Amino acid sequence: MSSRNRESLRAELGDEMRLHQMAVDALDEAVAEHLGVNRTDLRCLDVLLRLGTATAGRLGAELGLTTGSVTAMLDRLARLGYLTRSPDATDRRRVVVEPTPEVVAGAGELYGPIASDGARDLARYSVAELQLLIDFLRQSRRLQEEHRARIRALPPATPGRAAPRPRNSGG
């Protein structure tokens, strides 16, 4: 394969990844609107659906939120009937948060069809191809997390000033 074809494929893959991110973002926006929550609240519900239960501290760490923000978020979600809070059986100072059965059922209604369609689409791939896709997604996630931490360590952007442009590395 020529280096030109390889670069063309890399560019096409990069474009597809950006379009994929935009599609996922738009889907999340539609789900958040449907549920009447903001995007951070939706991320919280996603974490709870993945973990089953979590402490407020774990949610804060997973979402990168302060304790005050977590408390306000949990208050909103509890008022909407999306989660419950109860004292931890082993440490009464901690609170355990879990999604309500209604939110679990609602997630199935909203995301079940996409999971079914996705499973059907994945059936065309071999075991080796599935392993390659898993590796690619893990590496891509690692890269995103690494650069999220890098960007969070930057000083805040100054309003009204454009962000610095990357330097041209030659060529």
C-alpha atoms as a PDB file:
ATOM      1  CA  MET A   1       0.000   0.000   0.000  1.00  0.00           C
ATOM      2  CA  SER A   2       1.396   3.374  -0.926  1.00  0.00           C
ATOM      3  CA  SER A   3       2.022   5.945   1.781  1.00  0.00           C
ATOM      4  CA  ARG A   4      -0.496   8.193   0.006  1.00  0.00           C
ATOM      5  CA  ASN A   5      -3.247   5.576   0.356  1.00  0.00           C
ATOM      6  CA  ARG A   6      -2.297   4.994   4.000  1.00  0.00           C
ATOM      7  CA  GLU A   7      -2.474   8.724   4.752  1.00  0.00           C
ATOM      8  CA  SER A   8      -5.765   8.991   2.893  1.00  0.00           C
ATOM      9  CA  LEU A   9      -7.184   6.128   4.965  1.00  0.00           C
ATOM     10  CA  ARG A  10      -5.923   7.711   8.183  1.00  0.00           C
ATOM     11  CA  ALA A  11      -7.594  10.991   7.245  1.00  0.00           C
ATOM     12  CA  GLU A  12     -10.833   9.181   6.364  1.00  0.00           C
ATOM     13  CA  LEU A  13     -10.731   7.281   9.676  1.00  0.00           C
ATOM     14  CA  GLY A  14     -10.156  10.548  11.536  1.00  0.00           C
ATOM     15  CA  ASP A  15     -13.132  12.114   9.783  1.00  0.00           C
ATOM     16  CA  GLU A  16     -15.321   9.100  10.567  1.00  0.00           C
ATOM     17  CA  MET A  17     -14.270   9.233  14.219  1.00  0.00           C
ATOM     18  CA  ARG A  18     -15.235  12.908  14.426  1.00  0.00           C
ATOM     19  CA  LEU A  19     -18.577  12.214  12.760  1.00  0.00           C
ATOM     20  CA  HIS A  20     -19.131   9.269  15.120  1.00  0.00           C
ATOM     21  CA  GLN A  21     -18.439  11.501  18.130  1.00  0.00           C
ATOM     22  CA  MET A  22     -20.900  14.066  16.817  1.00  0.00           C
ATOM     23  CA  ALA A  23     -23.565  11.379  16.306  1.00  0.00           C
ATOM     24  CA  VAL A  24     -23.065  10.007  19.829  1.00  0.00           C
ATOM     25  CA  ASP A  25     -23.173  13.540  21.211  1.00  0.00           C
ATOM     26  CA  ALA A  26     -26.418  14.268  19.339  1.00  0.00           C
ATOM     27  CA  LEU A  27     -27.956  11.010  20.607  1.00  0.00           C
ATOM     28  CA  ASP A  28     -26.971  11.874  24.181  1.00  0.00           C
ATOM     29  CA  GLU A  29     -28.481  15.331  23.747  1.00  0.00           C
ATOM     30  CA  ALA A  30     -31.756  13.804  22.533  1.00  0.00           C
ATOM     31  CA  VAL A  31     -31.850  11.378  25.476  1.00  0.00           C
ATOM     32  CA  ALA A  32     -31.074  14.159  27.987  1.00  0.00           C
ATOM     33  CA  GLU A  33     -33.866  16.303  26.519  1.00  0.00           C
ATOM     34  CA  HIS A  34     -36.265  13.344  26.610  1.00  0.00           C
ATOM     35  CA  LEU A  35     -35.474  12.697  30.272  1.00  0.00           C
ATOM     36  CA  GLY A  36     -35.526  16.386  31.209  1.00  0.00           C
ATOM     37  CA  VAL A  37     -31.960  16.385  32.527  1.00  0.00           C
ATOM     38  CA  ASN A  38     -28.717  18.108  31.653  1.00  0.00           C
ATOM     39  CA  ARG A  39     -25.744  16.321  30.108  1.00  0.00           C
ATOM     40  CA  THR A  40     -23.878  15.891  33.404  1.00  0.00           C
ATOM     41  CA  ASP A  41     -26.976  14.330  34.963  1.00  0.00           C
ATOM     42  CA  LEU A  42     -27.189  11.961  31.995  1.00  0.00           C
ATOM     43  CA  ARG A  43     -23.536  11.004  32.451  1.00  0.00           C
ATOM     44  CA  CYS A  44     -24.278  10.298  36.118  1.00  0.00           C
ATOM     45  CA  LEU A  45     -27.159   8.019  35.177  1.00  0.00           C
ATOM     46  CA  ASP A  46     -24.906   6.260  32.683  1.00  0.00           C
ATOM     47  CA  VAL A  47     -22.287   5.637  35.377  1.00  0.00           C
ATOM     48  CA  LEU A  48     -24.969   4.305  37.733  1.00  0.00           C
ATOM     49  CA  LEU A  49     -26.391   2.013  35.050  1.00  0.00           C
ATOM     50  CA  ARG A  50     -22.879   0.689  34.368  1.00  0.00           C
ATOM     51  CA  LEU A  51     -21.919   0.208  38.034  1.00  0.00           C
ATOM     52  CA  GLY A  52     -25.320  -0.613  39.528  1.00  0.00           C
ATOM     53  CA  THR A  53     -24.551   1.354  42.694  1.00  0.00           C
ATOM     54  CA  ALA A  54     -21.953   3.935  43.648  1.00  0.00           C
ATOM     55  CA  THR A  55     -21.094   6.262  46.474  1.00  0.00           C
ATOM     56  CA  ALA A  56     -21.409   9.987  45.960  1.00  0.00           C
ATOM     57  CA  GLY A  57     -17.608  10.170  46.154  1.00  0.00           C
ATOM     58  CA  ARG A  58     -17.191   7.597  43.398  1.00  0.00           C
ATOM     59  CA  LEU A  59     -19.648   9.501  41.193  1.00  0.00           C
ATOM     60  CA  GLY A  60     -17.737  12.713  41.792  1.00  0.00           C
ATOM     61  CA  ALA A  61     -14.469  11.035  40.823  1.00  0.00           C
ATOM     62  CA  GLU A  62     -15.978   9.380  37.733  1.00  0.00           C
ATOM     63  CA  LEU A  63     -17.546  12.636  36.565  1.00  0.00           C
ATOM     64  CA  GLY A  64     -14.842  15.051  37.712  1.00  0.00           C
ATOM     65  CA  LEU A  65     -17.227  16.981  39.966  1.00  0.00           C
ATOM     66  CA  THR A  66     -16.848  18.663  43.349  1.00  0.00           C
ATOM     67  CA  THR A  67     -18.806  17.336  46.329  1.00  0.00           C
ATOM     68  CA  GLY A  68     -21.138  20.332  46.174  1.00  0.00           C
ATOM     69  CA  SER A  69     -21.873  19.699  42.491  1.00  0.00           C
ATOM     70  CA  VAL A  70     -22.478  16.008  43.164  1.00  0.00           C
ATOM     71  CA  THR A  71     -24.918  16.822  45.974  1.00  0.00           C
ATOM     72  CA  ALA A  72     -26.891  19.245  43.777  1.00  0.00           C
ATOM     73  CA  MET A  73     -26.943  16.730  40.911  1.00  0.00           C
ATOM     74  CA  LEU A  74     -28.116  13.883  43.155  1.00  0.00           C
ATOM     75  CA  ASP A  75     -30.820  16.120  44.616  1.00  0.00           C
ATOM     76  CA  ARG A  76     -32.103  16.906  41.088  1.00  0.00           C
ATOM     77  CA  LEU A  77     -32.051  13.269  39.977  1.00  0.00           C
ATOM     78  CA  ALA A  78     -33.729  12.056  43.184  1.00  0.00           C
ATOM     79  CA  ARG A  79     -36.496  14.673  42.785  1.00  0.00           C
ATOM     80  CA  LEU A  80     -37.106  13.367  39.261  1.00  0.00           C
ATOM     81  CA  GLY A  81     -37.320   9.797  40.573  1.00  0.00           C
ATOM     82  CA  TYR A  82     -34.223   8.621  38.675  1.00  0.00           C
ATOM     83  CA  LEU A  83     -32.172   7.455  41.665  1.00  0.00           C
ATOM     84  CA  THR A  84     -32.316   6.606  45.337  1.00  0.00           C
ATOM     85  CA  ARG A  85     -29.836   7.299  48.104  1.00  0.00           C
ATOM     86  CA  SER A  86     -29.373   5.189  51.210  1.00  0.00           C
ATOM     87  CA  PRO A  87     -26.752   4.854  53.950  1.00  0.00           C
ATOM     88  CA  ASP A  88     -23.977   2.358  53.236  1.00  0.00           C
ATOM     89  CA  ALA A  89     -24.568  -0.806  55.287  1.00  0.00           C
ATOM     90  CA  THR A  90     -20.878  -1.041  56.267  1.00  0.00           C
ATOM     91  CA  ASP A  91     -20.124   2.658  56.781  1.00  0.00           C
ATOM     92  CA  ARG A  92     -23.107   4.798  57.798  1.00  0.00           C
ATOM     93  CA  ARG A  93     -21.161   7.988  56.940  1.00  0.00           C
ATOM     94  CA  ARG A  94     -21.250   7.076  53.245  1.00  0.00           C
ATOM     95  CA  VAL A  95     -24.269   7.220  50.985  1.00  0.00           C
ATOM     96  CA  VAL A  96     -24.956   4.614  48.325  1.00  0.00           C
ATOM     97  CA  VAL A  97     -26.697   5.799  45.175  1.00  0.00           C
ATOM     98  CA  GLU A  98     -28.539   3.536  42.748  1.00  0.00           C
ATOM     99  CA  PRO A  99     -30.790   3.983  39.746  1.00  0.00           C
ATOM    100  CA  THR A 100     -34.492   3.342  40.269  1.00  0.00           C
ATOM    101  CA  PRO A 101     -36.115   0.374  38.498  1.00  0.00           C
ATOM    102  CA  GLU A 102     -37.996   2.903  36.355  1.00  0.00           C
ATOM    103  CA  VAL A 103     -34.768   4.462  35.084  1.00  0.00           C
ATOM    104  CA  VAL A 104     -33.315   1.018  34.362  1.00  0.00           C
ATOM    105  CA  ALA A 105     -36.436   0.121  32.370  1.00  0.00           C
ATOM    106  CA  GLY A 106     -36.393   3.497  30.622  1.00  0.00           C
ATOM    107  CA  ALA A 107     -32.759   3.023  29.617  1.00  0.00           C
ATOM    108  CA  GLY A 108     -33.722  -0.293  28.085  1.00  0.00           C
ATOM    109  CA  GLU A 109     -36.475   1.388  26.087  1.00  0.00           C
ATOM    110  CA  LEU A 110     -34.199   4.176  24.882  1.00  0.00           C
ATOM    111  CA  TYR A 111     -30.962   2.272  24.310  1.00  0.00           C
ATOM    112  CA  GLY A 112     -32.222  -1.289  23.737  1.00  0.00           C
ATOM    113  CA  PRO A 113     -32.965  -0.777  20.028  1.00  0.00           C
ATOM    114  CA  ILE A 114     -29.516   0.677  19.347  1.00  0.00           C
ATOM    115  CA  ALA A 115     -27.908  -2.212  21.260  1.00  0.00           C
ATOM    116  CA  SER A 116     -29.891  -4.740  19.189  1.00  0.00           C
ATOM    117  CA  ASP A 117     -29.062  -3.036  15.917  1.00  0.00           C
ATOM    118  CA  GLY A 118     -25.415  -2.760  16.945  1.00  0.00           C
ATOM    119  CA  ALA A 119     -25.261  -6.473  17.832  1.00  0.00           C
ATOM    120  CA  ARG A 120     -26.682  -7.288  14.415  1.00  0.00           C
ATOM    121  CA  ASP A 121     -24.055  -5.093  12.753  1.00  0.00           C
ATOM    122  CA  LEU A 122     -21.222  -6.673  14.767  1.00  0.00           C
ATOM    123  CA  ALA A 123     -22.264 -10.176  13.693  1.00  0.00           C
ATOM    124  CA  ARG A 124     -20.522  -9.630  10.351  1.00  0.00           C
ATOM    125  CA  TYR A 125     -17.075  -9.332  11.967  1.00  0.00           C
ATOM    126  CA  SER A 126     -14.722 -12.223  12.696  1.00  0.00           C
ATOM    127  CA  VAL A 127     -13.314 -12.837  16.177  1.00  0.00           C
ATOM    128  CA  ALA A 128      -9.983 -11.347  15.075  1.00  0.00           C
ATOM    129  CA  GLU A 129     -11.720  -8.260  13.688  1.00  0.00           C
ATOM    130  CA  LEU A 130     -13.710  -7.837  16.906  1.00  0.00           C
ATOM    131  CA  GLN A 131     -10.477  -8.053  18.902  1.00  0.00           C
ATOM    132  CA  LEU A 132      -8.958  -5.400  16.637  1.00  0.00           C
ATOM    133  CA  LEU A 133     -11.969  -3.130  17.136  1.00  0.00           C
ATOM    134  CA  ILE A 134     -11.799  -3.587  20.922  1.00  0.00           C
ATOM    135  CA  ASP A 135      -8.090  -2.758  20.904  1.00  0.00           C
ATOM    136  CA  PHE A 136      -8.683   0.313  18.742  1.00  0.00           C
ATOM    137  CA  LEU A 137     -11.469   1.601  20.993  1.00  0.00           C
ATOM    138  CA  ARG A 138      -9.422   1.016  24.165  1.00  0.00           C
ATOM    139  CA  GLN A 139      -6.460   2.880  22.713  1.00  0.00           C
ATOM    140  CA  SER A 140      -8.714   5.667  21.465  1.00  0.00           C
ATOM    141  CA  ARG A 141     -10.342   6.009  24.909  1.00  0.00           C
ATOM    142  CA  ARG A 142      -6.914   6.040  26.590  1.00  0.00           C
ATOM    143  CA  LEU A 143      -5.807   8.795  24.228  1.00  0.00           C
ATOM    144  CA  GLN A 144      -8.945  10.848  24.924  1.00  0.00           C
ATOM    145  CA  GLU A 145      -8.535  10.472  28.697  1.00  0.00           C
ATOM    146  CA  GLU A 146      -4.855  11.401  28.532  1.00  0.00           C
ATOM    147  CA  HIS A 147      -5.554  14.544  26.553  1.00  0.00           C
ATOM    148  CA  ARG A 148      -8.560  15.465  28.688  1.00  0.00           C
ATOM    149  CA  ALA A 149      -6.182  15.545  31.667  1.00  0.00           C
ATOM    150  CA  ARG A 150      -3.676  17.612  29.659  1.00  0.00           C
ATOM    151  CA  ILE A 151      -6.340  20.147  28.663  1.00  0.00           C
ATOM    152  CA  ARG A 152      -7.732  20.390  32.197  1.00  0.00           C
ATOM    153  CA  ALA A 153      -4.231  21.248  33.421  1.00  0.00           C
ATOM    154  CA  LEU A 154      -4.041  24.244  31.056  1.00  0.00           C
ATOM    155  CA  PRO A 155      -4.840  27.713  32.361  1.00  0.00           C
ATOM    156  CA  PRO A 156      -8.368  28.835  31.461  1.00  0.00           C
ATOM    157  CA  ALA A 157      -8.822  30.429  28.069  1.00  0.00           C
ATOM    158  CA  THR A 158      -9.185  34.175  28.110  1.00  0.00           C
ATOM    159  CA  PRO A 159     -12.652  35.204  26.862  1.00  0.00           C
ATOM    160  CA  GLY A 160     -12.510  37.129  23.621  1.00  0.00           C
ATOM    161  CA  ARG A 161      -9.132  35.718  22.641  1.00  0.00           C
ATOM    162  CA  ALA A 162      -8.735  32.867  20.247  1.00  0.00           C
ATOM    163  CA  ALA A 163      -7.138  29.705  21.556  1.00  0.00           C
ATOM    164  CA  PRO A 164      -3.496  29.335  20.539  1.00  0.00           C
ATOM    165  CA  ARG A 165      -3.036  27.573  17.245  1.00  0.00           C
ATOM    166  CA  PRO A 166      -0.887  24.457  17.076  1.00  0.00           C
ATOM    167  CA  ARG A 167       2.542  25.082  15.606  1.00  0.00           C
ATOM    168  CA  ASN A 168       3.150  23.754  12.143  1.00  0.00           C
ATOM    169  CA  SER A 169       5.481  20.805  12.533  1.00  0.00           C
ATOM    170  CA  GLY A 170       6.897  21.274   9.070  1.00  0.00           C
ATOM    171  CA  GLY A 171       5.950  20.006   5.675  1.00  0.00           C
END
